[in-house]
Amino acid sequence: MITTAAGPLYAEGDIVRNPSSTADNAWLVIGYDGASDTYERALVYQNDEGTWGYRMDERTEHVSRALMEKVNTEIVTNRPLSAVPVKTPAVITAPTNAETIKPAAVTTTTTAAKGPTIKKIIPDKGDAGTTVQVTDLVGDNFKNGANVTLSRAGSNEIKATGVRAVTPQSITCTFAIPADAPAGSWDVVVTNPDGQSDRYTNIFSVHRTPGAQSTTYATHAGTVGITYIDPPNTFSSQYSKFTITGTGFRNNAKVILKRTDKPDIEATNVLVSSDTRLECFLNPPAGSYGVWDLKIVNTDGSYGIWYSAFTIS
């Protein structure tokens, strides 16, 4: 059971942050709602002289009191809400002389949307008769709703399923390669919803390994289920929050990124809100680029692994 203080720790106007974060912003407490046990907060930034602070816009968000008080433990200062302005562009005043100023001609330029480009695919091979999970199709200008196919002259296309444009530079998907698919090099084709496409020739290899026709590549292991991590990628040396859903999560569970050639990366501030949802923070060290396995370990030793679930750029 997750326990919190009898009442909210923070009051209206408190500026709080995670003491381990190197970000140049913090959270301004707008208020607390006892009915939902949540804080309303907004991002606040330092002024040029180092004082707090100002806001970039009017946006606020609500977050559970348990998470807010567990992660952001340092009270920086307190400012009246009226003393924390929203910075807006300067207003240009009209000229005071009598001269009439003619407005400059406005030229509107319409830029055509760029089509997708493919740079590489991970993994870049698979056996006929198996299922291959593509953990990172790398490129640019990928759109949600894109189609991904394997193509080869004289053969039927192999259309990917579960296509997801994680970012404009990364797609994840799955290929079910038929048992009778010809061995050799195949093209990868990405087609955006607007019809623009790119083809990378001979980038993917289909093999016909004896005995492989009845197997698939394992994607999960263990008794703790992991179905989704949001977002499924981040950058090295960036401190970020993640939400994981699945089954069998327990209080004080550990969240670990694993890769055979690098040290484990363990998440901090893990908050298990239910047996199907948890939140945590990751700060991958410099140089930890690549695709990682995601592992959750409960205190009773039960665990779950999602292979190649997470990408660090």
C-alpha atoms as a PDB file:
ATOM      1  CA  MET A   1       0.000   0.000   0.000  1.00  0.00           C
ATOM      2  CA  ILE A   2       1.244   3.467  -0.923  1.00  0.00           C
ATOM      3  CA  THR A   3       0.991   5.888   1.981  1.00  0.00           C
ATOM      4  CA  THR A   4       1.201   9.679   1.990  1.00  0.00           C
ATOM      5  CA  ALA A   5       1.070  12.391   4.604  1.00  0.00           C
ATOM      6  CA  ALA A   6      -2.274  13.127   6.286  1.00  0.00           C
ATOM      7  CA  GLY A   7      -2.582  16.322   4.287  1.00  0.00           C
ATOM      8  CA  PRO A   8      -0.903  17.972   1.314  1.00  0.00           C
ATOM      9  CA  LEU A   9       2.704  19.011   1.887  1.00  0.00           C
ATOM     10  CA  TYR A  10       2.623  21.873  -0.591  1.00  0.00           C
ATOM     11  CA  ALA A  11       0.539  25.024  -0.697  1.00  0.00           C
ATOM     12  CA  GLU A  12      -0.489  27.421  -3.430  1.00  0.00           C
ATOM     13  CA  GLY A  13       2.525  29.295  -4.752  1.00  0.00           C
ATOM     14  CA  ASP A  14       5.134  26.745  -3.642  1.00  0.00           C
ATOM     15  CA  ILE A  15       7.823  26.144  -6.270  1.00  0.00           C
ATOM     16  CA  VAL A  16       9.108  22.567  -5.972  1.00  0.00           C
ATOM     17  CA  ARG A  17      11.422  20.293  -7.926  1.00  0.00           C
ATOM     18  CA  ASN A  18      13.321  17.005  -7.924  1.00  0.00           C
ATOM     19  CA  PRO A  19      16.677  17.749  -6.274  1.00  0.00           C
ATOM     20  CA  SER A  20      18.446  15.272  -8.572  1.00  0.00           C
ATOM     21  CA  SER A  21      17.166  16.890 -11.766  1.00  0.00           C
ATOM     22  CA  THR A  22      19.438  19.163 -13.785  1.00  0.00           C
ATOM     23  CA  ALA A  23      16.557  20.809 -15.676  1.00  0.00           C
ATOM     24  CA  ASP A  24      16.263  24.605 -15.585  1.00  0.00           C
ATOM     25  CA  ASN A  25      12.591  24.512 -14.642  1.00  0.00           C
ATOM     26  CA  ALA A  26      10.483  23.520 -11.656  1.00  0.00           C
ATOM     27  CA  TRP A  27       6.807  23.087 -10.741  1.00  0.00           C
ATOM     28  CA  LEU A  28       4.586  25.905  -9.488  1.00  0.00           C
ATOM     29  CA  VAL A  29       1.769  24.630  -7.272  1.00  0.00           C
ATOM     30  CA  ILE A  30      -1.470  26.208  -8.490  1.00  0.00           C
ATOM     31  CA  GLY A  31      -3.627  24.439  -5.931  1.00  0.00           C
ATOM     32  CA  TYR A  32      -4.708  21.164  -4.314  1.00  0.00           C
ATOM     33  CA  ASP A  33      -7.987  19.290  -4.814  1.00  0.00           C
ATOM     34  CA  GLY A  34      -8.879  17.115  -1.854  1.00  0.00           C
ATOM     35  CA  ALA A  35     -11.689  15.296  -3.656  1.00  0.00           C
ATOM     36  CA  SER A  36      -9.314  13.792  -6.225  1.00  0.00           C
ATOM     37  CA  ASP A  37      -6.189  14.044  -4.015  1.00  0.00           C
ATOM     38  CA  THR A  38      -4.323  15.798  -6.833  1.00  0.00           C
ATOM     39  CA  TYR A  39      -2.220  18.899  -7.263  1.00  0.00           C
ATOM     40  CA  GLU A  40      -2.727  21.345 -10.092  1.00  0.00           C
ATOM     41  CA  ARG A  41       0.700  22.496 -11.253  1.00  0.00           C
ATOM     42  CA  ALA A  42       2.456  24.426 -14.022  1.00  0.00           C
ATOM     43  CA  LEU A  43       6.014  24.590 -15.284  1.00  0.00           C
ATOM     44  CA  VAL A  44       7.918  27.635 -14.018  1.00  0.00           C
ATOM     45  CA  TYR A  45      11.300  28.986 -15.152  1.00  0.00           C
ATOM     46  CA  GLN A  46      14.039  31.179 -13.707  1.00  0.00           C
ATOM     47  CA  ASN A  47      14.452  34.814 -14.678  1.00  0.00           C
ATOM     48  CA  ASP A  48      17.749  35.971 -16.173  1.00  0.00           C
ATOM     49  CA  GLU A  49      19.017  37.086 -12.786  1.00  0.00           C
ATOM     50  CA  GLY A  50      18.272  33.666 -11.258  1.00  0.00           C
ATOM     51  CA  THR A  51      15.053  34.458  -9.396  1.00  0.00           C
ATOM     52  CA  TRP A  52      11.847  32.483  -9.838  1.00  0.00           C
ATOM     53  CA  GLY A  53      10.025  32.845 -12.000  1.00  0.00           C
ATOM     54  CA  TYR A  54       7.777  33.055 -15.012  1.00  0.00           C
ATOM     55  CA  ARG A  55       5.581  30.720 -17.055  1.00  0.00           C
ATOM     56  CA  MET A  56       5.758  30.160 -20.811  1.00  0.00           C
ATOM     57  CA  ASP A  57       1.994  29.690 -21.237  1.00  0.00           C
ATOM     58  CA  GLU A  58      -1.269  29.213 -19.340  1.00  0.00           C
ATOM     59  CA  ARG A  59      -1.212  25.426 -19.410  1.00  0.00           C
ATOM     60  CA  THR A  60      -1.534  23.436 -16.175  1.00  0.00           C
ATOM     61  CA  GLU A  61      -1.810  19.746 -15.364  1.00  0.00           C
ATOM     62  CA  HIS A  62      -3.147  17.599 -12.524  1.00  0.00           C
ATOM     63  CA  VAL A  63      -0.945  14.975 -10.882  1.00  0.00           C
ATOM     64  CA  SER A  64      -1.538  12.635  -7.953  1.00  0.00           C
ATOM     65  CA  ARG A  65      -0.379  13.938  -4.589  1.00  0.00           C
ATOM     66  CA  ALA A  66       1.553  10.686  -3.948  1.00  0.00           C
ATOM     67  CA  LEU A  67       3.647  11.070  -7.090  1.00  0.00           C
ATOM     68  CA  MET A  68       4.152  14.819  -6.706  1.00  0.00           C
ATOM     69  CA  GLU A  69       5.379  14.562  -3.127  1.00  0.00           C
ATOM     70  CA  LYS A  70       7.542  11.487  -3.771  1.00  0.00           C
ATOM     71  CA  VAL A  71       9.407  12.883  -6.788  1.00  0.00           C
ATOM     72  CA  ASN A  72       9.579  16.631  -6.106  1.00  0.00           C
ATOM     73  CA  THR A  73      10.915  16.782  -2.551  1.00  0.00           C
ATOM     74  CA  GLU A  74      12.650  20.176  -2.592  1.00  0.00           C
ATOM     75  CA  ILE A  75      10.691  23.382  -1.930  1.00  0.00           C
ATOM     76  CA  VAL A  76      12.677  26.107  -3.706  1.00  0.00           C
ATOM     77  CA  THR A  77      10.590  29.094  -2.645  1.00  0.00           C
ATOM     78  CA  ASN A  78       7.040  30.419  -2.539  1.00  0.00           C
ATOM     79  CA  ARG A  79       5.662  33.093  -4.831  1.00  0.00           C
ATOM     80  CA  PRO A  80       2.142  34.512  -5.035  1.00  0.00           C
ATOM     81  CA  LEU A  81       0.537  33.278  -8.219  1.00  0.00           C
ATOM     82  CA  SER A  82      -0.026  36.876  -9.286  1.00  0.00           C
ATOM     83  CA  ALA A  83       3.758  37.450  -9.087  1.00  0.00           C
ATOM     84  CA  VAL A  84       4.526  34.676 -11.615  1.00  0.00           C
ATOM     85  CA  PRO A  85       3.716  36.204 -15.006  1.00  0.00           C
ATOM     86  CA  VAL A  86       3.144  34.478 -18.307  1.00  0.00           C
ATOM     87  CA  LYS A  87       5.673  35.907 -20.741  1.00  0.00           C
ATOM     88  CA  THR A  88       4.050  37.008 -23.994  1.00  0.00           C
ATOM     89  CA  PRO A  89       5.471  38.667 -27.109  1.00  0.00           C
ATOM     90  CA  ALA A  90       5.876  42.412 -26.840  1.00  0.00           C
ATOM     91  CA  VAL A  91       3.012  44.461 -28.254  1.00  0.00           C
ATOM     92  CA  ILE A  92       3.958  46.842 -31.063  1.00  0.00           C
ATOM     93  CA  THR A  93       2.289  50.208 -30.507  1.00  0.00           C
ATOM     94  CA  ALA A  94       0.834  52.223 -33.344  1.00  0.00           C
ATOM     95  CA  PRO A  95       2.858  55.224 -34.629  1.00  0.00           C
ATOM     96  CA  THR A  96       2.005  58.554 -33.037  1.00  0.00           C
ATOM     97  CA  ASN A  97       2.731  60.762 -36.059  1.00  0.00           C
ATOM     98  CA  ALA A  98       0.155  61.561 -38.681  1.00  0.00           C
ATOM     99  CA  GLU A  99       1.982  59.788 -41.456  1.00  0.00           C
ATOM    100  CA  THR A 100       0.131  56.829 -42.855  1.00  0.00           C
ATOM    101  CA  ILE A 101       2.232  53.687 -42.902  1.00  0.00           C
ATOM    102  CA  LYS A 102       1.366  51.222 -45.625  1.00  0.00           C
ATOM    103  CA  PRO A 103       1.506  47.605 -44.581  1.00  0.00           C
ATOM    104  CA  ALA A 104       4.209  45.529 -46.192  1.00  0.00           C
ATOM    105  CA  ALA A 105       3.131  43.019 -48.761  1.00  0.00           C
ATOM    106  CA  VAL A 106       2.713  39.542 -47.345  1.00  0.00           C
ATOM    107  CA  THR A 107       3.928  36.606 -49.367  1.00  0.00           C
ATOM    108  CA  THR A 108       2.561  33.212 -48.446  1.00  0.00           C
ATOM    109  CA  THR A 109       4.695  30.213 -49.271  1.00  0.00           C
ATOM    110  CA  THR A 110       3.246  26.726 -49.187  1.00  0.00           C
ATOM    111  CA  THR A 111       5.797  24.022 -48.445  1.00  0.00           C
ATOM    112  CA  ALA A 112       4.965  20.537 -49.611  1.00  0.00           C
ATOM    113  CA  ALA A 113       5.083  17.852 -46.935  1.00  0.00           C
ATOM    114  CA  LYS A 114       8.262  15.813 -47.071  1.00  0.00           C
ATOM    115  CA  GLY A 115       8.032  12.133 -47.817  1.00  0.00           C
ATOM    116  CA  PRO A 116       9.508   9.375 -45.636  1.00  0.00           C
ATOM    117  CA  THR A 117      13.135   8.303 -45.864  1.00  0.00           C
ATOM    118  CA  ILE A 118      14.610   4.994 -44.664  1.00  0.00           C
ATOM    119  CA  LYS A 119      18.133   4.739 -43.210  1.00  0.00           C
ATOM    120  CA  LYS A 120      18.346   1.316 -41.546  1.00  0.00           C
ATOM    121  CA  ILE A 121      16.285  -1.440 -39.940  1.00  0.00           C
ATOM    122  CA  ILE A 122      16.916  -3.395 -36.705  1.00  0.00           C
ATOM    123  CA  PRO A 123      17.002  -6.378 -37.023  1.00  0.00           C
ATOM    124  CA  ASP A 124      17.838  -6.594 -40.723  1.00  0.00           C
ATOM    125  CA  LYS A 125      17.227 -10.317 -41.225  1.00  0.00           C
ATOM    126  CA  GLY A 126      14.848 -13.148 -40.353  1.00  0.00           C
ATOM    127  CA  ASP A 127      14.127 -16.807 -41.071  1.00  0.00           C
ATOM    128  CA  ALA A 128      11.329 -17.954 -43.344  1.00  0.00           C
ATOM    129  CA  GLY A 129       8.445 -19.279 -41.265  1.00  0.00           C
ATOM    130  CA  THR A 130       9.186 -17.048 -38.266  1.00  0.00           C
ATOM    131  CA  THR A 131       7.897 -13.798 -36.808  1.00  0.00           C
ATOM    132  CA  VAL A 132      10.359 -10.913 -36.616  1.00  0.00           C
ATOM    133  CA  GLN A 133       9.775  -7.952 -34.316  1.00  0.00           C
ATOM    134  CA  VAL A 134      11.335  -4.820 -35.818  1.00  0.00           C
ATOM    135  CA  THR A 135      12.465  -2.735 -32.859  1.00  0.00           C
ATOM    136  CA  ASP A 136      13.741   0.256 -34.824  1.00  0.00           C
ATOM    137  CA  LEU A 137      13.102   1.154 -38.446  1.00  0.00           C
ATOM    138  CA  VAL A 138      15.226   4.309 -38.603  1.00  0.00           C
ATOM    139  CA  GLY A 139      14.614   7.202 -40.972  1.00  0.00           C
ATOM    140  CA  ASP A 140      12.726  10.483 -41.097  1.00  0.00           C
ATOM    141  CA  ASN A 141       9.301  11.987 -41.795  1.00  0.00           C
ATOM    142  CA  PHE A 142       7.399   8.869 -40.696  1.00  0.00           C
ATOM    143  CA  LYS A 143       3.688   9.471 -40.040  1.00  0.00           C
ATOM    144  CA  ASN A 144       1.110   7.701 -37.890  1.00  0.00           C
ATOM    145  CA  GLY A 145      -0.852   5.296 -40.067  1.00  0.00           C
ATOM    146  CA  ALA A 146       2.128   4.457 -42.300  1.00  0.00           C
ATOM    147  CA  ASN A 147       2.351   1.060 -44.031  1.00  0.00           C
ATOM    148  CA  VAL A 148       5.566  -0.994 -43.994  1.00  0.00           C
ATOM    149  CA  THR A 149       6.211  -3.884 -46.370  1.00  0.00           C
ATOM    150  CA  LEU A 150       8.943  -6.263 -47.483  1.00  0.00           C
ATOM    151  CA  SER A 151       9.101  -6.404 -51.271  1.00  0.00           C
ATOM    152  CA  ARG A 152      10.989  -8.580 -53.750  1.00  0.00           C
ATOM    153  CA  ALA A 153      10.591  -8.961 -57.503  1.00  0.00           C
ATOM    154  CA  GLY A 154       8.541 -12.052 -58.358  1.00  0.00           C
ATOM    155  CA  SER A 155       7.334 -12.588 -54.763  1.00  0.00           C
ATOM    156  CA  ASN A 156       4.268 -11.564 -52.791  1.00  0.00           C
ATOM    157  CA  GLU A 157       4.659  -8.547 -50.519  1.00  0.00           C
ATOM    158  CA  ILE A 158       5.002  -9.197 -46.791  1.00  0.00           C
ATOM    159  CA  LYS A 159       2.975  -6.539 -44.999  1.00  0.00           C
ATOM    160  CA  ALA A 160       3.982  -5.581 -41.453  1.00  0.00           C
ATOM    161  CA  THR A 161       1.475  -5.583 -38.600  1.00  0.00           C
ATOM    162  CA  GLY A 162       1.414  -3.473 -35.455  1.00  0.00           C
ATOM    163  CA  VAL A 163       3.053  -0.561 -37.265  1.00  0.00           C
ATOM    164  CA  ARG A 164       3.678   2.330 -34.902  1.00  0.00           C
ATOM    165  CA  ALA A 165       5.471   5.580 -35.683  1.00  0.00           C
ATOM    166  CA  VAL A 166       7.101   6.039 -32.280  1.00  0.00           C
ATOM    167  CA  THR A 167       8.673   9.277 -33.508  1.00  0.00           C
ATOM    168  CA  PRO A 168       9.050  10.816 -36.975  1.00  0.00           C
ATOM    169  CA  GLN A 169      12.451   9.064 -37.020  1.00  0.00           C
ATOM    170  CA  SER A 170      11.495   5.602 -35.705  1.00  0.00           C
ATOM    171  CA  ILE A 171       8.924   2.908 -36.513  1.00  0.00           C
ATOM    172  CA  THR A 172       8.289  -0.381 -34.722  1.00  0.00           C
ATOM    173  CA  CYS A 173       6.394  -3.226 -36.397  1.00  0.00           C
ATOM    174  CA  THR A 174       6.233  -7.013 -36.868  1.00  0.00           C
ATOM    175  CA  PHE A 175       6.817  -9.169 -39.968  1.00  0.00           C
ATOM    176  CA  ALA A 176       5.314 -12.674 -40.163  1.00  0.00           C
ATOM    177  CA  ILE A 177       7.578 -14.175 -42.829  1.00  0.00           C
ATOM    178  CA  PRO A 178       5.841 -17.029 -44.705  1.00  0.00           C
ATOM    179  CA  ALA A 179       7.508 -20.431 -44.650  1.00  0.00           C
ATOM    180  CA  ASP A 180       7.736 -20.401 -48.455  1.00  0.00           C
ATOM    181  CA  ALA A 181       9.271 -16.901 -48.685  1.00  0.00           C
ATOM    182  CA  PRO A 182      12.325 -16.994 -51.000  1.00  0.00           C
ATOM    183  CA  ALA A 183      15.695 -16.612 -49.316  1.00  0.00           C
ATOM    184  CA  GLY A 184      17.776 -13.601 -50.223  1.00  0.00           C
ATOM    185  CA  SER A 185      17.631  -9.819 -50.116  1.00  0.00           C
ATOM    186  CA  TRP A 186      14.338  -7.939 -49.814  1.00  0.00           C
ATOM    187  CA  ASP A 187      13.445  -4.248 -50.100  1.00  0.00           C
ATOM    188  CA  VAL A 188      11.767  -2.339 -47.255  1.00  0.00           C
ATOM    189  CA  VAL A 189       9.052   0.130 -48.297  1.00  0.00           C
ATOM    190  CA  VAL A 190       7.422   2.744 -46.044  1.00  0.00           C
ATOM    191  CA  THR A 191       4.306   4.512 -47.318  1.00  0.00           C
ATOM    192  CA  ASN A 192       2.794   7.420 -45.394  1.00  0.00           C
ATOM    193  CA  PRO A 193      -1.000   7.997 -45.319  1.00  0.00           C
ATOM    194  CA  ASP A 194      -0.603  10.794 -47.906  1.00  0.00           C
ATOM    195  CA  GLY A 195       0.775   8.271 -50.415  1.00  0.00           C
ATOM    196  CA  GLN A 196       4.414   9.389 -50.294  1.00  0.00           C
ATOM    197  CA  SER A 197       6.824   6.494 -49.901  1.00  0.00           C
ATOM    198  CA  ASP A 198      10.452   5.442 -49.810  1.00  0.00           C
ATOM    199  CA  ARG A 199      12.098   2.166 -50.790  1.00  0.00           C
ATOM    200  CA  TYR A 200      15.448   0.925 -49.445  1.00  0.00           C
ATOM    201  CA  THR A 201      16.602  -1.866 -51.731  1.00  0.00           C
ATOM    202  CA  ASN A 202      18.204  -5.083 -50.465  1.00  0.00           C
ATOM    203  CA  ILE A 203      18.211  -3.912 -46.823  1.00  0.00           C
ATOM    204  CA  PHE A 204      16.531  -7.010 -45.322  1.00  0.00           C
ATOM    205  CA  SER A 205      17.646 -10.650 -45.672  1.00  0.00           C
ATOM    206  CA  VAL A 206      15.397 -13.696 -45.485  1.00  0.00           C
ATOM    207  CA  HIS A 207      17.138 -16.929 -44.508  1.00  0.00           C
ATOM    208  CA  ARG A 208      15.928 -20.502 -44.748  1.00  0.00           C
ATOM    209  CA  THR A 209      17.536 -22.118 -41.724  1.00  0.00           C
ATOM    210  CA  PRO A 210      16.646 -25.823 -41.310  1.00  0.00           C
ATOM    211  CA  GLY A 211      14.207 -26.277 -38.436  1.00  0.00           C
ATOM    212  CA  ALA A 212      13.400 -22.581 -38.158  1.00  0.00           C
ATOM    213  CA  GLN A 213      10.025 -22.867 -39.896  1.00  0.00           C
ATOM    214  CA  SER A 214       8.229 -23.824 -36.680  1.00  0.00           C
ATOM    215  CA  THR A 215       9.729 -21.202 -34.415  1.00  0.00           C
ATOM    216  CA  THR A 216       9.226 -17.524 -33.599  1.00  0.00           C
ATOM    217  CA  TYR A 217      11.474 -15.025 -31.899  1.00  0.00           C
ATOM    218  CA  ALA A 218      10.598 -14.689 -28.212  1.00  0.00           C
ATOM    219  CA  THR A 219       9.296 -11.263 -27.276  1.00  0.00           C
ATOM    220  CA  HIS A 220       8.398 -11.814 -23.600  1.00  0.00           C
ATOM    221  CA  ALA A 221       9.491 -13.969 -20.669  1.00  0.00           C
ATOM    222  CA  GLY A 222       8.505 -14.394 -17.023  1.00  0.00           C
ATOM    223  CA  THR A 223       5.193 -14.318 -15.155  1.00  0.00           C
ATOM    224  CA  VAL A 224       4.878 -10.535 -14.786  1.00  0.00           C
ATOM    225  CA  GLY A 225       3.171  -9.179 -17.886  1.00  0.00           C
ATOM    226  CA  ILE A 226       4.438  -6.037 -19.649  1.00  0.00           C
ATOM    227  CA  THR A 227       2.189  -4.724 -22.415  1.00  0.00           C
ATOM    228  CA  TYR A 228       3.168  -1.086 -22.938  1.00  0.00           C
ATOM    229  CA  ILE A 229       5.741   1.552 -22.005  1.00  0.00           C
ATOM    230  CA  ASP A 230       5.007   5.199 -22.748  1.00  0.00           C
ATOM    231  CA  PRO A 231       7.085   6.632 -24.271  1.00  0.00           C
ATOM    232  CA  PRO A 232       9.046   3.636 -25.637  1.00  0.00           C
ATOM    233  CA  ASN A 233      12.222   5.634 -26.228  1.00  0.00           C
ATOM    234  CA  THR A 234      14.347   8.467 -24.819  1.00  0.00           C
ATOM    235  CA  PHE A 235      17.733  10.156 -25.197  1.00  0.00           C
ATOM    236  CA  SER A 236      20.898   9.484 -23.210  1.00  0.00           C
ATOM    237  CA  SER A 237      21.538  11.864 -20.296  1.00  0.00           C
ATOM    238  CA  GLN A 238      17.872  12.907 -20.274  1.00  0.00           C
ATOM    239  CA  TYR A 239      15.844  12.554 -17.062  1.00  0.00           C
ATOM    240  CA  SER A 240      12.291  11.556 -18.062  1.00  0.00           C
ATOM    241  CA  LYS A 241       9.108  10.035 -16.678  1.00  0.00           C
ATOM    242  CA  PHE A 242       7.626   6.785 -18.035  1.00  0.00           C
ATOM    243  CA  THR A 243       4.359   4.902 -17.576  1.00  0.00           C
ATOM    244  CA  ILE A 244       4.295   1.093 -17.828  1.00  0.00           C
ATOM    245  CA  THR A 245       1.159  -1.062 -18.023  1.00  0.00           C
ATOM    246  CA  GLY A 246       0.840  -4.814 -17.665  1.00  0.00           C
ATOM    247  CA  THR A 247      -0.129  -7.361 -14.978  1.00  0.00           C
ATOM    248  CA  GLY A 248       1.268  -8.586 -11.680  1.00  0.00           C
ATOM    249  CA  PHE A 249       3.024  -5.394 -10.545  1.00  0.00           C
ATOM    250  CA  ARG A 250       3.770  -5.193  -6.811  1.00  0.00           C
ATOM    251  CA  ASN A 251       4.835  -2.379  -4.479  1.00  0.00           C
ATOM    252  CA  ASN A 252       8.611  -1.751  -4.409  1.00  0.00           C
ATOM    253  CA  ALA A 253       9.061  -3.418  -7.803  1.00  0.00           C
ATOM    254  CA  LYS A 254      12.269  -2.658  -9.668  1.00  0.00           C
ATOM    255  CA  VAL A 255      12.301  -1.471 -13.287  1.00  0.00           C
ATOM    256  CA  ILE A 256      15.521  -2.275 -15.151  1.00  0.00           C
ATOM    257  CA  LEU A 257      16.799  -1.773 -18.689  1.00  0.00           C
ATOM    258  CA  LYS A 258      19.136  -4.616 -19.714  1.00  0.00           C
ATOM    259  CA  ARG A 259      21.557  -5.128 -22.584  1.00  0.00           C
ATOM    260  CA  THR A 260      24.291  -7.759 -22.821  1.00  0.00           C
ATOM    261  CA  ASP A 261      27.081  -5.344 -23.726  1.00  0.00           C
ATOM    262  CA  LYS A 262      26.333  -2.568 -21.201  1.00  0.00           C
ATOM    263  CA  PRO A 263      25.620  -2.174 -17.453  1.00  0.00           C
ATOM    264  CA  ASP A 264      21.997  -2.315 -16.322  1.00  0.00           C
ATOM    265  CA  ILE A 265      20.065   0.960 -16.047  1.00  0.00           C
ATOM    266  CA  GLU A 266      17.688   0.954 -13.066  1.00  0.00           C
ATOM    267  CA  ALA A 267      14.735   3.322 -12.866  1.00  0.00           C
ATOM    268  CA  THR A 268      14.231   5.623  -9.868  1.00  0.00           C
ATOM    269  CA  ASN A 269      11.120   6.843  -8.032  1.00  0.00           C
ATOM    270  CA  VAL A 270       9.103   3.774  -9.037  1.00  0.00           C
ATOM    271  CA  LEU A 271       5.466   4.309  -8.013  1.00  0.00           C
ATOM    272  CA  VAL A 272       3.127   1.304  -8.364  1.00  0.00           C
ATOM    273  CA  SER A 273      -0.395   2.707  -8.480  1.00  0.00           C
ATOM    274  CA  SER A 274      -2.017  -0.695  -9.165  1.00  0.00           C
ATOM    275  CA  ASP A 275      -1.097  -4.214 -10.205  1.00  0.00           C
ATOM    276  CA  THR A 276      -1.499  -3.118 -13.836  1.00  0.00           C
ATOM    277  CA  ARG A 277       0.185   0.311 -13.841  1.00  0.00           C
ATOM    278  CA  LEU A 278       3.353   1.928 -12.552  1.00  0.00           C
ATOM    279  CA  GLU A 279       5.296   5.122 -13.143  1.00  0.00           C
ATOM    280  CA  CYS A 280       9.046   5.636 -12.931  1.00  0.00           C
ATOM    281  CA  PHE A 281      11.912   7.867 -14.016  1.00  0.00           C
ATOM    282  CA  LEU A 282      14.939   6.972 -16.148  1.00  0.00           C
ATOM    283  CA  ASN A 283      18.154   8.902 -16.726  1.00  0.00           C
ATOM    284  CA  PRO A 284      20.263   6.836 -19.175  1.00  0.00           C
ATOM    285  CA  PRO A 285      23.988   7.656 -18.947  1.00  0.00           C
ATOM    286  CA  ALA A 286      25.924   9.054 -21.882  1.00  0.00           C
ATOM    287  CA  GLY A 287      26.850   6.420 -24.439  1.00  0.00           C
ATOM    288  CA  SER A 288      23.958   4.053 -23.672  1.00  0.00           C
ATOM    289  CA  TYR A 289      22.571   4.163 -27.203  1.00  0.00           C
ATOM    290  CA  GLY A 290      20.684   1.252 -28.717  1.00  0.00           C
ATOM    291  CA  VAL A 291      17.799  -1.148 -28.151  1.00  0.00           C
ATOM    292  CA  TRP A 292      17.267  -2.461 -24.594  1.00  0.00           C
ATOM    293  CA  ASP A 293      15.232  -5.182 -22.888  1.00  0.00           C
ATOM    294  CA  LEU A 294      12.759  -4.015 -20.225  1.00  0.00           C
ATOM    295  CA  LYS A 295      12.617  -6.079 -17.021  1.00  0.00           C
ATOM    296  CA  ILE A 296      10.341  -5.687 -13.973  1.00  0.00           C
ATOM    297  CA  VAL A 297      11.284  -7.571 -10.789  1.00  0.00           C
ATOM    298  CA  ASN A 298       8.955  -7.865  -7.781  1.00  0.00           C
ATOM    299  CA  THR A 299      10.222  -8.271  -4.222  1.00  0.00           C
ATOM    300  CA  ASP A 300       9.027 -11.923  -4.194  1.00  0.00           C
ATOM    301  CA  GLY A 301      11.350 -12.691  -7.107  1.00  0.00           C
ATOM    302  CA  SER A 302       8.691 -12.855  -9.806  1.00  0.00           C
ATOM    303  CA  TYR A 303       9.669 -10.992 -12.943  1.00  0.00           C
ATOM    304  CA  GLY A 304       8.739 -10.139 -16.492  1.00  0.00           C
ATOM    305  CA  ILE A 305      10.899  -9.273 -19.523  1.00  0.00           C
ATOM    306  CA  TRP A 306       9.923  -7.547 -22.758  1.00  0.00           C
ATOM    307  CA  TYR A 307      12.777  -8.077 -25.196  1.00  0.00           C
ATOM    308  CA  SER A 308      13.911  -5.125 -27.343  1.00  0.00           C
ATOM    309  CA  ALA A 309      11.130  -2.948 -25.931  1.00  0.00           C
ATOM    310  CA  PHE A 310      13.020   0.293 -25.409  1.00  0.00           C
ATOM    311  CA  THR A 311      15.299   2.486 -27.525  1.00  0.00           C
ATOM    312  CA  ILE A 312      17.851   5.054 -26.332  1.00  0.00           C
ATOM    313  CA  SER A 313      18.957   7.571 -28.972  1.00  0.00           C
END
